PDB file of all heavy atoms in Angstrom:
ATOM      1  N   GLN A   1       1.637 -16.391   3.868  1.00  0.00           N
ATOM      2  CA  GLN A   1       1.286 -17.425   4.842  1.00  0.00           C
ATOM      3  C   GLN A   1       2.454 -18.371   5.109  1.00  0.00           C
ATOM      4  O   GLN A   1       2.716 -18.735   6.264  1.00  0.00           O
ATOM      5  CB  GLN A   1       0.080 -18.222   4.355  1.00  0.00           C
ATOM      6  CG  GLN A   1      -0.356 -19.319   5.315  1.00  0.00           C
ATOM      7  CD  GLN A   1      -1.253 -20.348   4.650  1.00  0.00           C
ATOM      8  OE1 GLN A   1      -1.014 -20.752   3.507  1.00  0.00           O
ATOM      9  NE2 GLN A   1      -2.298 -20.764   5.350  1.00  0.00           N
ATOM     10  N   VAL A   2       3.159 -18.756   4.038  1.00  0.00           N
ATOM     11  CA  VAL A   2       4.229 -19.743   4.182  1.00  0.00           C
ATOM     12  C   VAL A   2       5.578 -19.115   4.509  1.00  0.00           C
ATOM     13  O   VAL A   2       6.579 -19.806   4.679  1.00  0.00           O
ATOM     14  CB  VAL A   2       4.353 -20.618   2.910  1.00  0.00           C
ATOM     15  CG1 VAL A   2       3.045 -21.340   2.628  1.00  0.00           C
ATOM     16  CG2 VAL A   2       4.782 -19.788   1.700  1.00  0.00           C
ATOM     17  N   GLY A   3       5.626 -17.789   4.588  1.00  0.00           N
ATOM     18  CA  GLY A   3       6.874 -17.114   4.911  1.00  0.00           C
ATOM     19  C   GLY A   3       7.874 -17.113   3.769  1.00  0.00           C
ATOM     20  O   GLY A   3       9.079 -17.318   3.998  1.00  0.00           O
ATOM     21  N   TYR A   4       7.394 -16.882   2.561  1.00  0.00           N
ATOM     22  CA  TYR A   4       8.273 -16.822   1.388  1.00  0.00           C
ATOM     23  C   TYR A   4       9.269 -15.676   1.570  1.00  0.00           C
ATOM     24  O   TYR A   4       8.884 -14.503   1.654  1.00  0.00           O
ATOM     25  CB  TYR A   4       7.425 -16.624   0.140  1.00  0.00           C
ATOM     26  CG  TYR A   4       8.193 -16.597  -1.163  1.00  0.00           C
ATOM     27  CD1 TYR A   4       8.917 -17.692  -1.604  1.00  0.00           C
ATOM     28  CD2 TYR A   4       8.167 -15.461  -1.965  1.00  0.00           C
ATOM     29  CE1 TYR A   4       9.602 -17.673  -2.800  1.00  0.00           C
ATOM     30  CE2 TYR A   4       8.843 -15.431  -3.173  1.00  0.00           C
ATOM     31  CZ  TYR A   4       9.564 -16.532  -3.592  1.00  0.00           C
ATOM     32  OH  TYR A   4      10.246 -16.499  -4.790  1.00  0.00           O
ATOM     33  N   ALA A   5      10.551 -16.002   1.650  1.00  0.00           N
ATOM     34  CA  ALA A   5      11.594 -15.041   2.038  1.00  0.00           C
ATOM     35  C   ALA A   5      11.660 -13.787   1.160  1.00  0.00           C
ATOM     36  O   ALA A   5      11.753 -12.671   1.693  1.00  0.00           O
ATOM     37  CB  ALA A   5      12.948 -15.744   2.073  1.00  0.00           C
ATOM     38  N   PRO A   6      11.660 -13.906  -0.183  1.00  0.00           N
ATOM     39  CA  PRO A   6      11.734 -12.691  -1.005  1.00  0.00           C
ATOM     40  C   PRO A   6      10.583 -11.716  -0.749  1.00  0.00           C
ATOM     41  O   PRO A   6      10.781 -10.498  -0.791  1.00  0.00           O
ATOM     42  CB  PRO A   6      11.692 -13.245  -2.430  1.00  0.00           C
ATOM     43  CG  PRO A   6      12.302 -14.601  -2.318  1.00  0.00           C
ATOM     44  CD  PRO A   6      11.783 -15.130  -1.009  1.00  0.00           C
ATOM     45  N   LEU A   7       9.378 -12.237  -0.468  1.00  0.00           N
ATOM     46  CA  LEU A   7       8.259 -11.353  -0.161  1.00  0.00           C
ATOM     47  C   LEU A   7       8.512 -10.613   1.150  1.00  0.00           C
ATOM     48  O   LEU A   7       8.248  -9.408   1.256  1.00  0.00           O
ATOM     49  CB  LEU A   7       6.951 -12.145  -0.056  1.00  0.00           C
ATOM     50  CG  LEU A   7       5.716 -11.312   0.333  1.00  0.00           C
ATOM     51  CD1 LEU A   7       5.372 -10.318  -0.769  1.00  0.00           C
ATOM     52  CD2 LEU A   7       4.514 -12.225   0.609  1.00  0.00           C
ATOM     53  N   GLY A   8       9.020 -11.323   2.133  1.00  0.00           N
ATOM     54  CA  GLY A   8       9.325 -10.692   3.409  1.00  0.00           C
ATOM     55  C   GLY A   8      10.381  -9.614   3.262  1.00  0.00           C
ATOM     56  O   GLY A   8      10.278  -8.534   3.856  1.00  0.00           O
ATOM     57  N   LEU A   9      11.395  -9.888   2.437  1.00  0.00           N
ATOM     58  CA  LEU A   9      12.458  -8.912   2.205  1.00  0.00           C
ATOM     59  C   LEU A   9      11.914  -7.693   1.482  1.00  0.00           C
ATOM     60  O   LEU A   9      12.234  -6.553   1.831  1.00  0.00           O
ATOM     61  CB  LEU A   9      13.584  -9.557   1.394  1.00  0.00           C
ATOM     62  CG  LEU A   9      14.771  -8.659   1.046  1.00  0.00           C
ATOM     63  CD1 LEU A   9      15.402  -8.082   2.318  1.00  0.00           C
ATOM     64  CD2 LEU A   9      15.809  -9.447   0.246  1.00  0.00           C
ATOM     65  N   ARG A  10      11.062  -7.927   0.481  1.00  0.00           N
ATOM     66  CA  ARG A  10      10.474  -6.808  -0.260  1.00  0.00           C
ATOM     67  C   ARG A  10       9.604  -5.952   0.652  1.00  0.00           C
ATOM     68  O   ARG A  10       9.671  -4.717   0.610  1.00  0.00           O
ATOM     69  CB  ARG A  10       9.648  -7.308  -1.445  1.00  0.00           C
ATOM     70  CG  ARG A  10       9.164  -6.169  -2.342  1.00  0.00           C
ATOM     71  CD  ARG A  10       8.387  -6.660  -3.531  1.00  0.00           C
ATOM     72  NE  ARG A  10       7.055  -7.142  -3.181  1.00  0.00           N
ATOM     73  CZ  ARG A  10       6.101  -7.404  -4.074  1.00  0.00           C
ATOM     74  NH1 ARG A  10       6.340  -7.245  -5.361  1.00  0.00           N
ATOM     75  NH2 ARG A  10       4.922  -7.854  -3.684  1.00  0.00           N
ATOM     76  N   SER A  11       8.811  -6.592   1.487  1.00  0.00           N
ATOM     77  CA  SER A  11       7.951  -5.849   2.416  1.00  0.00           C
ATOM     78  C   SER A  11       8.784  -5.019   3.389  1.00  0.00           C
ATOM     79  O   SER A  11       8.430  -3.882   3.717  1.00  0.00           O
ATOM     80  CB  SER A  11       7.052  -6.817   3.189  1.00  0.00           C
ATOM     81  OG  SER A  11       6.187  -7.523   2.313  1.00  0.00           O
ATOM     82  N   ALA A  12       9.891  -5.588   3.842  1.00  0.00           N
ATOM     83  CA  ALA A  12      10.766  -4.873   4.778  1.00  0.00           C
ATOM     84  C   ALA A  12      11.412  -3.660   4.122  1.00  0.00           C
ATOM     85  O   ALA A  12      11.711  -2.660   4.790  1.00  0.00           O
ATOM     86  CB  ALA A  12      11.830  -5.817   5.316  1.00  0.00           C
ATOM     87  N   LEU A  13      11.621  -3.743   2.819  1.00  0.00           N
ATOM     88  CA  LEU A  13      12.279  -2.654   2.099  1.00  0.00           C
ATOM     89  C   LEU A  13      11.327  -1.533   1.697  1.00  0.00           C
ATOM     90  O   LEU A  13      11.782  -0.469   1.279  1.00  0.00           O
ATOM     91  CB  LEU A  13      12.960  -3.194   0.837  1.00  0.00           C
ATOM     92  CG  LEU A  13      14.318  -3.868   1.003  1.00  0.00           C
ATOM     93  CD1 LEU A  13      14.779  -4.444  -0.333  1.00  0.00           C
ATOM     94  CD2 LEU A  13      15.345  -2.865   1.530  1.00  0.00           C
ATOM     95  N   VAL A  14      10.022  -1.762   1.809  1.00  0.00           N
ATOM     96  CA  VAL A  14       9.049  -0.763   1.343  1.00  0.00           C
ATOM     97  C   VAL A  14       9.261   0.611   1.980  1.00  0.00           C
ATOM     98  O   VAL A  14       9.348   1.619   1.264  1.00  0.00           O
ATOM     99  CB  VAL A  14       7.606  -1.256   1.570  1.00  0.00           C
ATOM    100  CG1 VAL A  14       6.614  -0.112   1.375  1.00  0.00           C
ATOM    101  CG2 VAL A  14       7.278  -2.385   0.600  1.00  0.00           C
ATOM    102  N   PRO A  15       9.349   0.733   3.323  1.00  0.00           N
ATOM    103  CA  PRO A  15       9.540   2.069   3.909  1.00  0.00           C
ATOM    104  C   PRO A  15      10.816   2.747   3.424  1.00  0.00           C
ATOM    105  O   PRO A  15      10.809   3.942   3.108  1.00  0.00           O
ATOM    106  CB  PRO A  15       9.591   1.788   5.415  1.00  0.00           C
ATOM    107  CG  PRO A  15       8.897   0.484   5.584  1.00  0.00           C
ATOM    108  CD  PRO A  15       9.239  -0.308   4.359  1.00  0.00           C
ATOM    109  N   LEU A  16      11.920   1.995   3.380  1.00  0.00           N
ATOM    110  CA  LEU A  16      13.190   2.558   2.941  1.00  0.00           C
ATOM    111  C   LEU A  16      13.132   2.941   1.467  1.00  0.00           C
ATOM    112  O   LEU A  16      13.668   3.980   1.056  1.00  0.00           O
ATOM    113  CB  LEU A  16      14.321   1.553   3.178  1.00  0.00           C
ATOM    114  CG  LEU A  16      15.731   2.014   2.768  1.00  0.00           C
ATOM    115  CD1 LEU A  16      16.106   3.283   3.518  1.00  0.00           C
ATOM    116  CD2 LEU A  16      16.745   0.910   3.044  1.00  0.00           C
ATOM    117  N   THR A  17      12.457   2.105   0.662  1.00  0.00           N
ATOM    118  CA  THR A  17      12.335   2.395  -0.765  1.00  0.00           C
ATOM    119  C   THR A  17      11.510   3.655  -1.001  1.00  0.00           C
ATOM    120  O   THR A  17      11.856   4.490  -1.855  1.00  0.00           O
ATOM    121  CB  THR A  17      11.684   1.209  -1.501  1.00  0.00           C
ATOM    122  OG1 THR A  17      12.486   0.042  -1.311  1.00  0.00           O
ATOM    123  CG2 THR A  17      11.570   1.492  -2.993  1.00  0.00           C
ATOM    124  N   ASN A  18      10.424   3.803  -0.267  1.00  0.00           N
ATOM    125  CA  ASN A  18       9.600   5.012  -0.399  1.00  0.00           C
ATOM    126  C   ASN A  18      10.404   6.259  -0.049  1.00  0.00           C
ATOM    127  O   ASN A  18      10.320   7.281  -0.748  1.00  0.00           O
ATOM    128  CB  ASN A  18       8.369   4.915   0.504  1.00  0.00           C
ATOM    129  CG  ASN A  18       7.384   3.877   0.024  1.00  0.00           C
ATOM    130  OD1 ASN A  18       7.375   3.505  -1.145  1.00  0.00           O
ATOM    131  ND2 ASN A  18       6.542   3.386   0.925  1.00  0.00           N
ATOM    132  N   LEU A  19      11.178   6.168   1.026  1.00  0.00           N
ATOM    133  CA  LEU A  19      11.997   7.307   1.445  1.00  0.00           C
ATOM    134  C   LEU A  19      13.085   7.614   0.419  1.00  0.00           C
ATOM    135  O   LEU A  19      13.300   8.780   0.054  1.00  0.00           O
ATOM    136  CB  LEU A  19      12.629   7.019   2.808  1.00  0.00           C
ATOM    137  CG  LEU A  19      13.536   8.116   3.378  1.00  0.00           C
ATOM    138  CD1 LEU A  19      12.724   9.382   3.630  1.00  0.00           C
ATOM    139  CD2 LEU A  19      14.205   7.633   4.663  1.00  0.00           C
ATOM    140  N   SER A  20      13.762   6.568  -0.051  1.00  0.00           N
ATOM    141  CA  SER A  20      14.851   6.766  -1.016  1.00  0.00           C
ATOM    142  C   SER A  20      14.335   7.328  -2.339  1.00  0.00           C
ATOM    143  O   SER A  20      14.992   8.156  -2.976  1.00  0.00           O
ATOM    144  CB  SER A  20      15.588   5.447  -1.259  1.00  0.00           C
ATOM    145  OG  SER A  20      14.741   4.493  -1.875  1.00  0.00           O
ATOM    146  N   SER A  21      13.132   6.905  -2.744  1.00  0.00           N
ATOM    147  CA  SER A  21      12.555   7.403  -3.993  1.00  0.00           C
ATOM    148  C   SER A  21      12.248   8.893  -3.904  1.00  0.00           C
ATOM    149  O   SER A  21      12.339   9.625  -4.896  1.00  0.00           O
ATOM    150  CB  SER A  21      11.267   6.631  -4.325  1.00  0.00           C
ATOM    151  OG  SER A  21      11.548   5.265  -4.538  1.00  0.00           O
ATOM    152  N   GLN A  22      11.893   9.359  -2.716  1.00  0.00           N
ATOM    153  CA  GLN A  22      11.579  10.769  -2.510  1.00  0.00           C
ATOM    154  C   GLN A  22      12.832  11.635  -2.417  1.00  0.00           C
ATOM    155  O   GLN A  22      12.818  12.802  -2.810  1.00  0.00           O
ATOM    156  CB  GLN A  22      10.739  10.943  -1.245  1.00  0.00           C
ATOM    157  CG  GLN A  22       9.360  10.311  -1.320  1.00  0.00           C
ATOM    158  CD  GLN A  22       8.622  10.384   0.004  1.00  0.00           C
ATOM    159  OE1 GLN A  22       9.155  10.879   1.002  1.00  0.00           O
ATOM    160  NE2 GLN A  22       7.402   9.860   0.044  1.00  0.00           N
ATOM    161  N   LEU A  23      13.914  11.064  -1.898  1.00  0.00           N
ATOM    162  CA  LEU A  23      15.105  11.858  -1.622  1.00  0.00           C
ATOM    163  C   LEU A  23      16.192  11.776  -2.683  1.00  0.00           C
ATOM    164  O   LEU A  23      17.005  12.710  -2.814  1.00  0.00           O
ATOM    165  CB  LEU A  23      15.704  11.433  -0.274  1.00  0.00           C
ATOM    166  CG  LEU A  23      14.866  11.708   0.974  1.00  0.00           C
ATOM    167  CD1 LEU A  23      15.612  11.211   2.210  1.00  0.00           C
ATOM    168  CD2 LEU A  23      14.553  13.179   1.102  1.00  0.00           C
ATOM    169  N   ALA A  24      16.240  10.688  -3.441  1.00  0.00           N
ATOM    170  CA  ALA A  24      17.360  10.459  -4.356  1.00  0.00           C
ATOM    171  C   ALA A  24      17.568  11.602  -5.355  1.00  0.00           C
ATOM    172  O   ALA A  24      18.653  12.191  -5.424  1.00  0.00           O
ATOM    173  CB  ALA A  24      17.168   9.133  -5.093  1.00  0.00           C
ATOM    174  N   MET A  25      16.542  11.919  -6.138  1.00  0.00           N
ATOM    175  CA  MET A  25      16.700  12.945  -7.171  1.00  0.00           C
ATOM    176  C   MET A  25      16.913  14.344  -6.594  1.00  0.00           C
ATOM    177  O   MET A  25      17.764  15.093  -7.103  1.00  0.00           O
ATOM    178  CB  MET A  25      15.497  12.921  -8.116  1.00  0.00           C
ATOM    179  CG  MET A  25      15.348  11.612  -8.884  1.00  0.00           C
ATOM    180  SD  MET A  25      16.902  10.993  -9.616  1.00  0.00           S
ATOM    181  CE  MET A  25      17.246  12.272 -10.816  1.00  0.00           C
ATOM    182  N   PRO A  26      16.191  14.739  -5.526  1.00  0.00           N
ATOM    183  CA  PRO A  26      16.485  16.052  -4.933  1.00  0.00           C
ATOM    184  C   PRO A  26      17.935  16.184  -4.480  1.00  0.00           C
ATOM    185  O   PRO A  26      18.562  17.238  -4.673  1.00  0.00           O
ATOM    186  CB  PRO A  26      15.517  16.114  -3.734  1.00  0.00           C
ATOM    187  CG  PRO A  26      14.359  15.297  -4.165  1.00  0.00           C
ATOM    188  CD  PRO A  26      14.972  14.149  -4.931  1.00  0.00           C
ATOM    189  N   LEU A  27      18.479  15.132  -3.871  1.00  0.00           N
ATOM    190  CA  LEU A  27      19.881  15.189  -3.441  1.00  0.00           C
ATOM    191  C   LEU A  27      20.816  15.336  -4.637  1.00  0.00           C
ATOM    192  O   LEU A  27      21.800  16.086  -4.579  1.00  0.00           O
ATOM    193  CB  LEU A  27      20.235  13.928  -2.649  1.00  0.00           C
ATOM    194  CG  LEU A  27      19.656  13.819  -1.237  1.00  0.00           C
ATOM    195  CD1 LEU A  27      20.070  12.503  -0.587  1.00  0.00           C
ATOM    196  CD2 LEU A  27      20.112  14.992  -0.379  1.00  0.00           C
ATOM    197  N   LEU A  28      20.502  14.620  -5.721  1.00  0.00           N
ATOM    198  CA  LEU A  28      21.329  14.724  -6.926  1.00  0.00           C
ATOM    199  C   LEU A  28      21.305  16.150  -7.482  1.00  0.00           C
ATOM    200  O   LEU A  28      22.353  16.721  -7.813  1.00  0.00           O
ATOM    201  CB  LEU A  28      20.839  13.738  -7.985  1.00  0.00           C
ATOM    202  CG  LEU A  28      21.185  12.260  -7.754  1.00  0.00           C
ATOM    203  CD1 LEU A  28      20.392  11.373  -8.699  1.00  0.00           C
ATOM    204  CD2 LEU A  28      22.677  12.036  -7.954  1.00  0.00           C
ATOM    205  N   PHE A  29      20.117  16.720  -7.592  1.00  0.00           N
ATOM    206  CA  PHE A  29      19.991  18.065  -8.161  1.00  0.00           C
ATOM    207  C   PHE A  29      20.663  19.109  -7.270  1.00  0.00           C
ATOM    208  O   PHE A  29      21.349  20.007  -7.767  1.00  0.00           O
ATOM    209  CB  PHE A  29      18.519  18.414  -8.365  1.00  0.00           C
ATOM    210  CG  PHE A  29      17.885  17.692  -9.519  1.00  0.00           C
ATOM    211  CD1 PHE A  29      16.677  17.034  -9.362  1.00  0.00           C
ATOM    212  CD2 PHE A  29      18.495  17.654 -10.770  1.00  0.00           C
ATOM    213  CE1 PHE A  29      16.086  16.357 -10.420  1.00  0.00           C
ATOM    214  CE2 PHE A  29      17.922  16.989 -11.830  1.00  0.00           C
ATOM    215  CZ  PHE A  29      16.710  16.335 -11.660  1.00  0.00           C
ATOM    216  N   ILE A  30      20.468  18.996  -5.960  1.00  0.00           N
ATOM    217  CA  ILE A  30      21.103  19.942  -5.039  1.00  0.00           C
ATOM    218  C   ILE A  30      22.623  19.815  -5.123  1.00  0.00           C
ATOM    219  O   ILE A  30      23.352  20.819  -5.112  1.00  0.00           O
ATOM    220  CB  ILE A  30      20.613  19.708  -3.599  1.00  0.00           C
ATOM    221  CG1 ILE A  30      19.126  20.050  -3.480  1.00  0.00           C
ATOM    222  CG2 ILE A  30      21.424  20.555  -2.615  1.00  0.00           C
ATOM    223  CD1 ILE A  30      18.517  19.683  -2.144  1.00  0.00           C
ATOM    224  N   GLY A  31      23.104  18.579  -5.205  1.00  0.00           N
ATOM    225  CA  GLY A  31      24.541  18.352  -5.314  1.00  0.00           C
ATOM    226  C   GLY A  31      25.129  18.980  -6.565  1.00  0.00           C
ATOM    227  O   GLY A  31      26.215  19.571  -6.538  1.00  0.00           O
ATOM    228  N   ILE A  32      24.404  18.875  -7.688  1.00  0.00           N
ATOM    229  CA  ILE A  32      24.870  19.461  -8.946  1.00  0.00           C
ATOM    230  C   ILE A  32      24.947  20.983  -8.827  1.00  0.00           C
ATOM    231  O   ILE A  32      25.895  21.622  -9.283  1.00  0.00           O
ATOM    232  CB  ILE A  32      23.928  19.061 -10.102  1.00  0.00           C
ATOM    233  CG1 ILE A  32      24.068  17.566 -10.395  1.00  0.00           C
ATOM    234  CG2 ILE A  32      24.242  19.871 -11.357  1.00  0.00           C
ATOM    235  CD1 ILE A  32      23.047  17.042 -11.379  1.00  0.00           C
ATOM    236  N   ILE A  33      23.916  21.564  -8.189  1.00  0.00           N
ATOM    237  CA  ILE A  33      23.875  23.019  -8.032  1.00  0.00           C
ATOM    238  C   ILE A  33      25.017  23.516  -7.140  1.00  0.00           C
ATOM    239  O   ILE A  33      25.687  24.512  -7.444  1.00  0.00           O
ATOM    240  CB  ILE A  33      22.515  23.451  -7.446  1.00  0.00           C
ATOM    241  CG1 ILE A  33      21.406  23.184  -8.456  1.00  0.00           C
ATOM    242  CG2 ILE A  33      22.536  24.940  -7.076  1.00  0.00           C
ATOM    243  CD1 ILE A  33      20.014  23.410  -7.913  1.00  0.00           C
ATOM    244  N   ILE A  34      25.246  22.806  -6.047  1.00  0.00           N
ATOM    245  CA  ILE A  34      26.287  23.226  -5.110  1.00  0.00           C
ATOM    246  C   ILE A  34      27.674  23.075  -5.724  1.00  0.00           C
ATOM    247  O   ILE A  34      28.554  23.925  -5.562  1.00  0.00           O
ATOM    248  CB  ILE A  34      26.191  22.409  -3.805  1.00  0.00           C
ATOM    249  CG1 ILE A  34      24.898  22.766  -3.057  1.00  0.00           C
ATOM    250  CG2 ILE A  34      27.399  22.674  -2.911  1.00  0.00           C
ATOM    251  CD1 ILE A  34      24.679  21.954  -1.798  1.00  0.00           C
ATOM    252  N   GLY A  35      27.882  21.965  -6.443  1.00  0.00           N
ATOM    253  CA  GLY A  35      29.189  21.730  -7.045  1.00  0.00           C
ATOM    254  C   GLY A  35      29.564  20.265  -6.973  1.00  0.00           C
ATOM    255  O   GLY A  35      29.241  19.589  -5.996  1.00  0.00           O
ATOM    256  N   THR A  36      30.269  19.804  -8.012  1.00  0.00           N
ATOM    257  CA  THR A  36      30.555  18.375  -8.110  1.00  0.00           C
ATOM    258  C   THR A  36      32.036  18.036  -7.945  1.00  0.00           C
ATOM    259  O   THR A  36      32.458  16.934  -8.259  1.00  0.00           O
ATOM    260  CB  THR A  36      30.085  17.835  -9.475  1.00  0.00           C
ATOM    261  OG1 THR A  36      30.819  18.498 -10.530  1.00  0.00           O
ATOM    262  CG2 THR A  36      28.595  18.056  -9.667  1.00  0.00           C
ATOM    263  N   THR A  37      32.796  18.976  -7.450  1.00  0.00           N
ATOM    264  CA  THR A  37      34.211  18.696  -7.231  1.00  0.00           C
ATOM    265  C   THR A  37      34.368  17.589  -6.200  1.00  0.00           C
ATOM    266  O   THR A  37      33.724  17.603  -5.146  1.00  0.00           O
ATOM    267  CB  THR A  37      34.941  19.953  -6.727  1.00  0.00           C
ATOM    268  OG1 THR A  37      34.777  20.995  -7.689  1.00  0.00           O
ATOM    269  CG2 THR A  37      36.431  19.666  -6.538  1.00  0.00           C
TER     270      THR A  37
END
């Protein structure tokens, strides 16, 4: 109601956080398999 900034920032990050949580580990594992040079 009062526009508490950290809450607004956290809410704005929810979609990106959900996406990053789904993609982070798969990208790491695929990268390891392909090669880490």
